Amino acid sequence: MSRNIRNNDTTRPRKGGAARNRRLLEHRRRLIALGVPEEKVMQLDHPHIRMLLAKPKLIPTYIK
């Protein structure tokens, strides 16, 4: 037998597109609640959105 069949880390289902889009929408709503203008949030890519949610002190430096 293959080793990967018993390894649950590699055989678990991946997050689908709908769940990923829902999560991104939730992140955008959180940034808007923190006071970032909506038009600025729509211009950010997902890594920057996650970084700003993880470190809210950086919001004034990235959003001018």
C-alpha atoms as a PDB file:
ATOM      1  CA  MET A   1       0.000   0.000   0.000  1.00  0.00           C
ATOM      2  CA  SER A   2       0.973   3.560  -0.514  1.00  0.00           C
ATOM      3  CA  ARG A   3       2.053   5.681   2.415  1.00  0.00           C
ATOM      4  CA  ASN A   4      -0.125   8.587   1.294  1.00  0.00           C
ATOM      5  CA  ILE A   5      -3.404   6.747   1.797  1.00  0.00           C
ATOM      6  CA  ARG A   6      -2.841   6.618   5.557  1.00  0.00           C
ATOM      7  CA  ASN A   7      -1.534  10.187   5.735  1.00  0.00           C
ATOM      8  CA  ASN A   8      -4.588  12.335   6.457  1.00  0.00           C
ATOM      9  CA  ASP A   9      -2.707  15.584   5.815  1.00  0.00           C
ATOM     10  CA  THR A  10      -2.334  14.800   2.127  1.00  0.00           C
ATOM     11  CA  THR A  11      -5.701  13.097   1.573  1.00  0.00           C
ATOM     12  CA  ARG A  12      -8.049  15.585   3.226  1.00  0.00           C
ATOM     13  CA  PRO A  13     -10.343  17.573   0.915  1.00  0.00           C
ATOM     14  CA  ARG A  14      -9.122  20.985  -0.167  1.00  0.00           C
ATOM     15  CA  LYS A  15     -11.155  24.149   0.230  1.00  0.00           C
ATOM     16  CA  GLY A  16     -13.233  24.798  -2.875  1.00  0.00           C
ATOM     17  CA  GLY A  17     -13.619  27.988  -4.856  1.00  0.00           C
ATOM     18  CA  ALA A  18     -16.904  29.042  -3.261  1.00  0.00           C
ATOM     19  CA  ALA A  19     -15.487  28.719   0.258  1.00  0.00           C
ATOM     20  CA  ARG A  20     -12.385  30.675  -0.752  1.00  0.00           C
ATOM     21  CA  ASN A  21     -14.478  33.479  -2.242  1.00  0.00           C
ATOM     22  CA  ARG A  22     -16.672  33.581   0.856  1.00  0.00           C
ATOM     23  CA  ARG A  23     -13.581  33.882   3.065  1.00  0.00           C
ATOM     24  CA  LEU A  24     -12.175  36.705   0.926  1.00  0.00           C
ATOM     25  CA  LEU A  25     -15.489  38.555   1.146  1.00  0.00           C
ATOM     26  CA  GLU A  26     -15.439  38.155   4.928  1.00  0.00           C
ATOM     27  CA  HIS A  27     -11.878  39.544   5.077  1.00  0.00           C
ATOM     28  CA  ARG A  28     -12.873  42.547   2.965  1.00  0.00           C
ATOM     29  CA  ARG A  29     -15.822  43.260   5.264  1.00  0.00           C
ATOM     30  CA  ARG A  30     -13.516  43.109   8.300  1.00  0.00           C
ATOM     31  CA  LEU A  31     -11.151  45.679   6.756  1.00  0.00           C
ATOM     32  CA  ILE A  32     -14.068  47.984   5.953  1.00  0.00           C
ATOM     33  CA  ALA A  33     -15.206  47.653   9.579  1.00  0.00           C
ATOM     34  CA  LEU A  34     -11.713  48.710  10.671  1.00  0.00           C
ATOM     35  CA  GLY A  35     -12.181  51.988   8.804  1.00  0.00           C
ATOM     36  CA  VAL A  36     -10.504  51.336   5.456  1.00  0.00           C
ATOM     37  CA  PRO A  37     -12.455  52.885   2.542  1.00  0.00           C
ATOM     38  CA  GLU A  38     -14.234  50.329   0.374  1.00  0.00           C
ATOM     39  CA  GLU A  39     -12.611  51.497  -2.867  1.00  0.00           C
ATOM     40  CA  LYS A  40      -9.154  50.997  -1.302  1.00  0.00           C
ATOM     41  CA  VAL A  41     -10.091  47.508  -0.098  1.00  0.00           C
ATOM     42  CA  MET A  42     -11.221  46.492  -3.584  1.00  0.00           C
ATOM     43  CA  GLN A  43      -7.787  47.472  -4.986  1.00  0.00           C
ATOM     44  CA  LEU A  44      -5.860  45.237  -2.544  1.00  0.00           C
ATOM     45  CA  ASP A  45      -4.895  41.680  -3.380  1.00  0.00           C
ATOM     46  CA  HIS A  46      -5.565  38.849  -0.956  1.00  0.00           C
ATOM     47  CA  PRO A  47      -2.068  38.566   0.622  1.00  0.00           C
ATOM     48  CA  HIS A  48      -2.156  42.282   1.496  1.00  0.00           C
ATOM     49  CA  ILE A  49      -5.667  41.960   2.922  1.00  0.00           C
ATOM     50  CA  ARG A  50      -4.589  39.089   5.174  1.00  0.00           C
ATOM     51  CA  MET A  51      -1.455  40.957   6.243  1.00  0.00           C
ATOM     52  CA  LEU A  52      -3.451  44.070   7.188  1.00  0.00           C
ATOM     53  CA  LEU A  53      -5.923  41.981   9.187  1.00  0.00           C
ATOM     54  CA  ALA A  54      -3.084  40.260  11.015  1.00  0.00           C
ATOM     55  CA  LYS A  55      -1.280  43.555  11.739  1.00  0.00           C
ATOM     56  CA  PRO A  56      -3.860  46.358  11.978  1.00  0.00           C
ATOM     57  CA  LYS A  57      -1.207  48.879  13.061  1.00  0.00           C
ATOM     58  CA  LEU A  58       0.094  48.853   9.473  1.00  0.00           C
ATOM     59  CA  ILE A  59      -3.212  50.087   8.023  1.00  0.00           C
ATOM     60  CA  PRO A  60      -2.288  53.821   8.165  1.00  0.00           C
ATOM     61  CA  THR A  61       1.015  53.195   6.354  1.00  0.00           C
ATOM     62  CA  TYR A  62      -0.533  51.143   3.530  1.00  0.00           C
ATOM     63  CA  ILE A  63      -3.773  53.129   3.174  1.00  0.00           C
ATOM     64  CA  LYS A  64      -3.091  56.816   2.591  1.00  0.00           C
END
